[in-house]
Amino acid sequence: MCSADLSKKPRCSSPGTASLLDVARQSIEWGLRTGQPLAVDPDAYPPEYGKLRATFVTLRRDGELRGCVGGLEASRPLVADVAQSAFKAAFRDTRFPPLEAGELDQIEIHISILSPLERVSAADEKALLDAIRPGIDGLVVRDGARQGTFLPAVWESLPEPAEFWRELKRKAGLPLDAWSNRWEIFRYTVESLP
């Protein structure tokens, strides 16, 4: 059982038994108290939590998006990445005001653990649309400093590949009616919790 007392550092009875969802919630609790993400020691957790992995943490309140932040490429141990992503989703997603203590009990936390990025080679838009797997692939498009990604969960609201691709271009600030061989396109899958 993890403490939810905001007057002290949140802890589970044993870090080895803490789930990644526990770690995400603890990091948000700690952020409410201190303004900082929870610092975790990967060696105190199961070995798989110490592997370098990229994550996104999505927060929902009453079924509505309340924050979603993460990274595309692995740069820290899984458990540390979850703690960082959860903190940033709660307090640094610029689309939303920072989470307040009164919201904590209403927040649902979802964690997406990303596979390594896989480059998608496509000669044109039709080849790209034929290559991506609806409901399975997350997609990244890059053009210099411009970049956008959609997690596989976005297929739930954008189930048609052409619409998914069009909205991803919009998110990245790319022209909606164009194709460029300069664009770098990658796909990835996720392991979702819960």
C-alpha atoms as a PDB file:
ATOM      1  CA  MET A   1       0.000   0.000   0.000  1.00  0.00           C
ATOM      2  CA  CYS A   2       1.364   3.440  -0.927  1.00  0.00           C
ATOM      3  CA  SER A   3       0.863   6.500   1.249  1.00  0.00           C
ATOM      4  CA  ALA A   4      -1.101   9.435  -0.117  1.00  0.00           C
ATOM      5  CA  ASP A   5      -0.149  11.807   2.687  1.00  0.00           C
ATOM      6  CA  LEU A   6       1.041  14.936   0.892  1.00  0.00           C
ATOM      7  CA  SER A   7       2.914  16.105   4.002  1.00  0.00           C
ATOM      8  CA  LYS A   8       5.607  13.470   3.534  1.00  0.00           C
ATOM      9  CA  LYS A   9       7.410  11.620   0.763  1.00  0.00           C
ATOM     10  CA  PRO A  10       5.111   8.974  -0.727  1.00  0.00           C
ATOM     11  CA  ARG A  11       6.352   5.445  -0.221  1.00  0.00           C
ATOM     12  CA  CYS A  12       5.173   1.950  -0.848  1.00  0.00           C
ATOM     13  CA  SER A  13       5.824  -0.705   1.738  1.00  0.00           C
ATOM     14  CA  SER A  14       8.621  -1.947  -0.543  1.00  0.00           C
ATOM     15  CA  PRO A  15       9.869  -0.420  -3.826  1.00  0.00           C
ATOM     16  CA  GLY A  16      10.260  -3.954  -5.149  1.00  0.00           C
ATOM     17  CA  THR A  17       6.502  -4.458  -4.956  1.00  0.00           C
ATOM     18  CA  ALA A  18       5.522  -1.081  -6.402  1.00  0.00           C
ATOM     19  CA  SER A  19       3.918  -1.159  -9.824  1.00  0.00           C
ATOM     20  CA  LEU A  20       4.763   1.431 -12.431  1.00  0.00           C
ATOM     21  CA  LEU A  21       1.298   2.906 -11.859  1.00  0.00           C
ATOM     22  CA  ASP A  22       2.200   3.290  -8.161  1.00  0.00           C
ATOM     23  CA  VAL A  23       5.411   5.076  -9.140  1.00  0.00           C
ATOM     24  CA  ALA A  24       3.530   7.433 -11.467  1.00  0.00           C
ATOM     25  CA  ARG A  25       1.000   8.340  -8.763  1.00  0.00           C
ATOM     26  CA  GLN A  26       3.763   8.772  -6.167  1.00  0.00           C
ATOM     27  CA  SER A  27       5.639  11.119  -8.497  1.00  0.00           C
ATOM     28  CA  ILE A  28       2.516  13.247  -8.942  1.00  0.00           C
ATOM     29  CA  GLU A  29       1.917  13.272  -5.170  1.00  0.00           C
ATOM     30  CA  TRP A  30       5.534  14.268  -4.585  1.00  0.00           C
ATOM     31  CA  GLY A  31       5.197  16.960  -7.257  1.00  0.00           C
ATOM     32  CA  LEU A  32       2.184  18.432  -5.470  1.00  0.00           C
ATOM     33  CA  ARG A  33       4.237  18.605  -2.279  1.00  0.00           C
ATOM     34  CA  THR A  34       7.618  19.764  -3.616  1.00  0.00           C
ATOM     35  CA  GLY A  35       7.251  20.900  -7.218  1.00  0.00           C
ATOM     36  CA  GLN A  36       9.705  18.171  -8.269  1.00  0.00           C
ATOM     37  CA  PRO A  37       9.334  14.651  -9.711  1.00  0.00           C
ATOM     38  CA  LEU A  38       9.951  11.733  -7.405  1.00  0.00           C
ATOM     39  CA  ALA A  39      13.588  10.610  -7.528  1.00  0.00           C
ATOM     40  CA  VAL A  40      13.781   6.845  -7.818  1.00  0.00           C
ATOM     41  CA  ASP A  41      16.656   4.408  -7.480  1.00  0.00           C
ATOM     42  CA  PRO A  42      16.227   1.838 -10.279  1.00  0.00           C
ATOM     43  CA  ASP A  43      18.284  -0.677  -8.280  1.00  0.00           C
ATOM     44  CA  ALA A  44      15.516  -0.787  -5.634  1.00  0.00           C
ATOM     45  CA  TYR A  45      13.004  -2.111  -8.195  1.00  0.00           C
ATOM     46  CA  PRO A  46      12.711  -5.313 -10.238  1.00  0.00           C
ATOM     47  CA  PRO A  47      15.429  -5.641 -12.913  1.00  0.00           C
ATOM     48  CA  GLU A  48      13.018  -4.988 -15.810  1.00  0.00           C
ATOM     49  CA  TYR A  49      12.302  -1.521 -14.336  1.00  0.00           C
ATOM     50  CA  GLY A  50      15.974  -0.657 -14.773  1.00  0.00           C
ATOM     51  CA  LYS A  51      16.042  -1.201 -18.534  1.00  0.00           C
ATOM     52  CA  LEU A  52      16.255   1.900 -20.722  1.00  0.00           C
ATOM     53  CA  ARG A  53      12.758   2.544 -22.083  1.00  0.00           C
ATOM     54  CA  ALA A  54      10.795   5.532 -23.349  1.00  0.00           C
ATOM     55  CA  THR A  55       7.337   6.179 -21.921  1.00  0.00           C
ATOM     56  CA  PHE A  56       4.331   8.436 -22.171  1.00  0.00           C
ATOM     57  CA  VAL A  57       2.025   9.025 -19.225  1.00  0.00           C
ATOM     58  CA  THR A  58      -1.547  10.052 -20.000  1.00  0.00           C
ATOM     59  CA  LEU A  59      -3.821  11.523 -17.351  1.00  0.00           C
ATOM     60  CA  ARG A  60      -7.603  11.529 -17.719  1.00  0.00           C
ATOM     61  CA  ARG A  61     -10.248  13.115 -15.546  1.00  0.00           C
ATOM     62  CA  ASP A  62     -13.867  12.072 -16.092  1.00  0.00           C
ATOM     63  CA  GLY A  63     -12.747  10.427 -19.338  1.00  0.00           C
ATOM     64  CA  GLU A  64     -11.256  13.681 -20.679  1.00  0.00           C
ATOM     65  CA  LEU A  65      -7.570  14.249 -21.373  1.00  0.00           C
ATOM     66  CA  ARG A  66      -5.894  16.105 -18.485  1.00  0.00           C
ATOM     67  CA  GLY A  67      -2.249  15.742 -19.523  1.00  0.00           C
ATOM     68  CA  CYS A  68       0.004  13.600 -21.700  1.00  0.00           C
ATOM     69  CA  VAL A  69       3.781  13.866 -21.789  1.00  0.00           C
ATOM     70  CA  GLY A  70       6.621  11.516 -22.611  1.00  0.00           C
ATOM     71  CA  GLY A  71       9.572  10.844 -24.819  1.00  0.00           C
ATOM     72  CA  LEU A  72      10.119   8.889 -27.992  1.00  0.00           C
ATOM     73  CA  GLU A  73      13.595   7.551 -27.374  1.00  0.00           C
ATOM     74  CA  ALA A  74      14.887   5.721 -24.323  1.00  0.00           C
ATOM     75  CA  SER A  75      17.270   7.836 -22.260  1.00  0.00           C
ATOM     76  CA  ARG A  76      16.737   6.631 -18.674  1.00  0.00           C
ATOM     77  CA  PRO A  77      15.641   3.516 -16.769  1.00  0.00           C
ATOM     78  CA  LEU A  78      11.963   2.653 -17.178  1.00  0.00           C
ATOM     79  CA  VAL A  79      10.989   3.421 -13.577  1.00  0.00           C
ATOM     80  CA  ALA A  80      12.745   6.813 -13.681  1.00  0.00           C
ATOM     81  CA  ASP A  81      11.174   7.641 -17.041  1.00  0.00           C
ATOM     82  CA  VAL A  82       7.699   6.872 -15.664  1.00  0.00           C
ATOM     83  CA  ALA A  83       8.335   9.145 -12.651  1.00  0.00           C
ATOM     84  CA  GLN A  84       9.475  11.986 -14.959  1.00  0.00           C
ATOM     85  CA  SER A  85       6.688  11.532 -17.505  1.00  0.00           C
ATOM     86  CA  ALA A  86       3.984  11.390 -14.800  1.00  0.00           C
ATOM     87  CA  PHE A  87       5.278  14.571 -13.168  1.00  0.00           C
ATOM     88  CA  LYS A  88       5.434  16.386 -16.499  1.00  0.00           C
ATOM     89  CA  ALA A  89       1.965  15.185 -17.546  1.00  0.00           C
ATOM     90  CA  ALA A  90       0.545  16.557 -14.295  1.00  0.00           C
ATOM     91  CA  PHE A  91       2.443  19.848 -14.121  1.00  0.00           C
ATOM     92  CA  ARG A  92       4.203  20.660 -17.405  1.00  0.00           C
ATOM     93  CA  ASP A  93       1.735  19.878 -20.207  1.00  0.00           C
ATOM     94  CA  THR A  94       1.254  23.394 -21.579  1.00  0.00           C
ATOM     95  CA  ARG A  95      -2.238  22.575 -22.848  1.00  0.00           C
ATOM     96  CA  PHE A  96      -3.531  22.389 -19.265  1.00  0.00           C
ATOM     97  CA  PRO A  97      -3.090  24.210 -15.957  1.00  0.00           C
ATOM     98  CA  PRO A  98      -0.952  22.350 -13.412  1.00  0.00           C
ATOM     99  CA  LEU A  99      -2.801  19.624 -11.539  1.00  0.00           C
ATOM    100  CA  GLU A 100      -4.182  20.639  -8.155  1.00  0.00           C
ATOM    101  CA  ALA A 101      -4.313  18.463  -5.033  1.00  0.00           C
ATOM    102  CA  GLY A 102      -8.116  18.285  -5.129  1.00  0.00           C
ATOM    103  CA  GLU A 103      -7.974  16.583  -8.534  1.00  0.00           C
ATOM    104  CA  LEU A 104      -5.644  13.766  -7.527  1.00  0.00           C
ATOM    105  CA  ASP A 105      -8.321  11.265  -6.524  1.00  0.00           C
ATOM    106  CA  GLN A 106     -10.190  11.865  -9.810  1.00  0.00           C
ATOM    107  CA  ILE A 107      -7.216  11.250 -12.102  1.00  0.00           C
ATOM    108  CA  GLU A 108      -6.821   8.028 -14.082  1.00  0.00           C
ATOM    109  CA  ILE A 109      -3.221   7.257 -15.006  1.00  0.00           C
ATOM    110  CA  HIS A 110      -2.268   5.367 -18.154  1.00  0.00           C
ATOM    111  CA  ILE A 111       1.299   4.440 -19.038  1.00  0.00           C
ATOM    112  CA  SER A 112       2.526   3.653 -22.543  1.00  0.00           C
ATOM    113  CA  ILE A 113       5.901   1.897 -22.747  1.00  0.00           C
ATOM    114  CA  LEU A 114       7.271   2.409 -26.243  1.00  0.00           C
ATOM    115  CA  SER A 115       9.137  -0.041 -28.414  1.00  0.00           C
ATOM    116  CA  PRO A 116      12.202   1.342 -30.208  1.00  0.00           C
ATOM    117  CA  LEU A 117      11.339   3.555 -33.190  1.00  0.00           C
ATOM    118  CA  GLU A 118      11.294   1.803 -36.563  1.00  0.00           C
ATOM    119  CA  ARG A 119      11.813   3.896 -39.695  1.00  0.00           C
ATOM    120  CA  VAL A 120       9.005   3.637 -42.250  1.00  0.00           C
ATOM    121  CA  SER A 121      10.252   3.864 -45.828  1.00  0.00           C
ATOM    122  CA  ALA A 122       7.493   5.016 -48.140  1.00  0.00           C
ATOM    123  CA  ALA A 123       7.793   6.522 -51.604  1.00  0.00           C
ATOM    124  CA  ASP A 124       4.540   8.418 -51.271  1.00  0.00           C
ATOM    125  CA  GLU A 125       1.516   8.923 -49.051  1.00  0.00           C
ATOM    126  CA  LYS A 126      -0.345   5.897 -50.441  1.00  0.00           C
ATOM    127  CA  ALA A 127       2.615   3.630 -49.625  1.00  0.00           C
ATOM    128  CA  LEU A 128       2.726   5.059 -46.106  1.00  0.00           C
ATOM    129  CA  LEU A 129      -1.001   4.505 -45.546  1.00  0.00           C
ATOM    130  CA  ASP A 130      -0.616   0.920 -46.775  1.00  0.00           C
ATOM    131  CA  ALA A 131       2.335   0.336 -44.407  1.00  0.00           C
ATOM    132  CA  ILE A 132       0.867   1.553 -41.116  1.00  0.00           C
ATOM    133  CA  ARG A 133      -1.224  -0.773 -38.970  1.00  0.00           C
ATOM    134  CA  PRO A 134      -4.379   0.865 -37.562  1.00  0.00           C
ATOM    135  CA  GLY A 135      -4.844   0.264 -33.861  1.00  0.00           C
ATOM    136  CA  ILE A 136      -1.278  -1.049 -33.503  1.00  0.00           C
ATOM    137  CA  ASP A 137       1.229   1.554 -34.677  1.00  0.00           C
ATOM    138  CA  GLY A 138       2.101   4.830 -33.067  1.00  0.00           C
ATOM    139  CA  LEU A 139       3.521   7.207 -35.658  1.00  0.00           C
ATOM    140  CA  VAL A 140       6.143   9.960 -35.627  1.00  0.00           C
ATOM    141  CA  VAL A 141       6.794  12.482 -38.385  1.00  0.00           C
ATOM    142  CA  ARG A 142       9.808  14.820 -38.333  1.00  0.00           C
ATOM    143  CA  ASP A 143      10.820  17.656 -40.612  1.00  0.00           C
ATOM    144  CA  GLY A 144      13.794  19.451 -39.121  1.00  0.00           C
ATOM    145  CA  ALA A 145      12.627  20.997 -35.833  1.00  0.00           C
ATOM    146  CA  ARG A 146       8.988  20.146 -36.528  1.00  0.00           C
ATOM    147  CA  GLN A 147       7.769  16.906 -35.060  1.00  0.00           C
ATOM    148  CA  GLY A 148       4.534  15.226 -34.091  1.00  0.00           C
ATOM    149  CA  THR A 149       3.511  11.864 -32.734  1.00  0.00           C
ATOM    150  CA  PHE A 150       0.298  10.003 -32.077  1.00  0.00           C
ATOM    151  CA  LEU A 151       0.228   7.076 -29.676  1.00  0.00           C
ATOM    152  CA  PRO A 152      -1.649   3.979 -30.888  1.00  0.00           C
ATOM    153  CA  ALA A 153      -4.541   4.945 -28.565  1.00  0.00           C
ATOM    154  CA  VAL A 154      -5.326   7.844 -30.941  1.00  0.00           C
ATOM    155  CA  TRP A 155      -6.664   5.278 -33.428  1.00  0.00           C
ATOM    156  CA  GLU A 156      -9.741   5.088 -31.168  1.00  0.00           C
ATOM    157  CA  SER A 157     -10.727   8.627 -32.167  1.00  0.00           C
ATOM    158  CA  LEU A 158      -9.123   8.648 -35.647  1.00  0.00           C
ATOM    159  CA  PRO A 159      -9.701   5.108 -37.001  1.00  0.00           C
ATOM    160  CA  GLU A 160      -9.082   5.836 -40.698  1.00  0.00           C
ATOM    161  CA  PRO A 161      -5.392   5.830 -41.737  1.00  0.00           C
ATOM    162  CA  ALA A 162      -5.768   8.888 -44.016  1.00  0.00           C
ATOM    163  CA  GLU A 163      -7.414  10.892 -41.235  1.00  0.00           C
ATOM    164  CA  PHE A 164      -4.857   9.698 -38.662  1.00  0.00           C
ATOM    165  CA  TRP A 165      -1.997  10.770 -40.968  1.00  0.00           C
ATOM    166  CA  ARG A 166      -3.627  14.112 -41.833  1.00  0.00           C
ATOM    167  CA  GLU A 167      -4.155  15.033 -38.171  1.00  0.00           C
ATOM    168  CA  LEU A 168      -0.607  13.988 -37.327  1.00  0.00           C
ATOM    169  CA  LYS A 169       0.706  16.332 -40.025  1.00  0.00           C
ATOM    170  CA  ARG A 170      -1.478  19.088 -38.547  1.00  0.00           C
ATOM    171  CA  LYS A 171      -0.055  18.418 -35.085  1.00  0.00           C
ATOM    172  CA  ALA A 172       3.510  18.622 -36.462  1.00  0.00           C
ATOM    173  CA  GLY A 173       2.752  21.894 -38.289  1.00  0.00           C
ATOM    174  CA  LEU A 174       3.244  20.328 -41.723  1.00  0.00           C
ATOM    175  CA  PRO A 175       1.164  21.105 -44.825  1.00  0.00           C
ATOM    176  CA  LEU A 176      -1.915  18.892 -44.855  1.00  0.00           C
ATOM    177  CA  ASP A 177      -2.070  18.409 -48.630  1.00  0.00           C
ATOM    178  CA  ALA A 178       1.625  17.719 -49.233  1.00  0.00           C
ATOM    179  CA  TRP A 179       4.168  14.915 -49.171  1.00  0.00           C
ATOM    180  CA  SER A 180       7.914  15.343 -48.817  1.00  0.00           C
ATOM    181  CA  ASN A 181      10.709  12.814 -49.116  1.00  0.00           C
ATOM    182  CA  ARG A 182      12.556  14.955 -46.548  1.00  0.00           C
ATOM    183  CA  TRP A 183      10.161  13.897 -43.815  1.00  0.00           C
ATOM    184  CA  GLU A 184      11.385  11.206 -41.466  1.00  0.00           C
ATOM    185  CA  ILE A 185       8.596   8.822 -40.490  1.00  0.00           C
ATOM    186  CA  PHE A 186       8.823   6.231 -37.736  1.00  0.00           C
ATOM    187  CA  ARG A 187       6.443   3.796 -36.136  1.00  0.00           C
ATOM    188  CA  TYR A 188       6.400   2.111 -32.758  1.00  0.00           C
ATOM    189  CA  THR A 189       4.168  -0.089 -30.641  1.00  0.00           C
ATOM    190  CA  VAL A 190       3.325   0.288 -26.982  1.00  0.00           C
ATOM    191  CA  GLU A 191       2.709  -1.828 -23.934  1.00  0.00           C
ATOM    192  CA  SER A 192      -0.158  -0.102 -22.115  1.00  0.00           C
ATOM    193  CA  LEU A 193      -0.800   0.020 -18.373  1.00  0.00           C
ATOM    194  CA  PRO A 194      -3.541  -0.488 -17.378  1.00  0.00           C
END
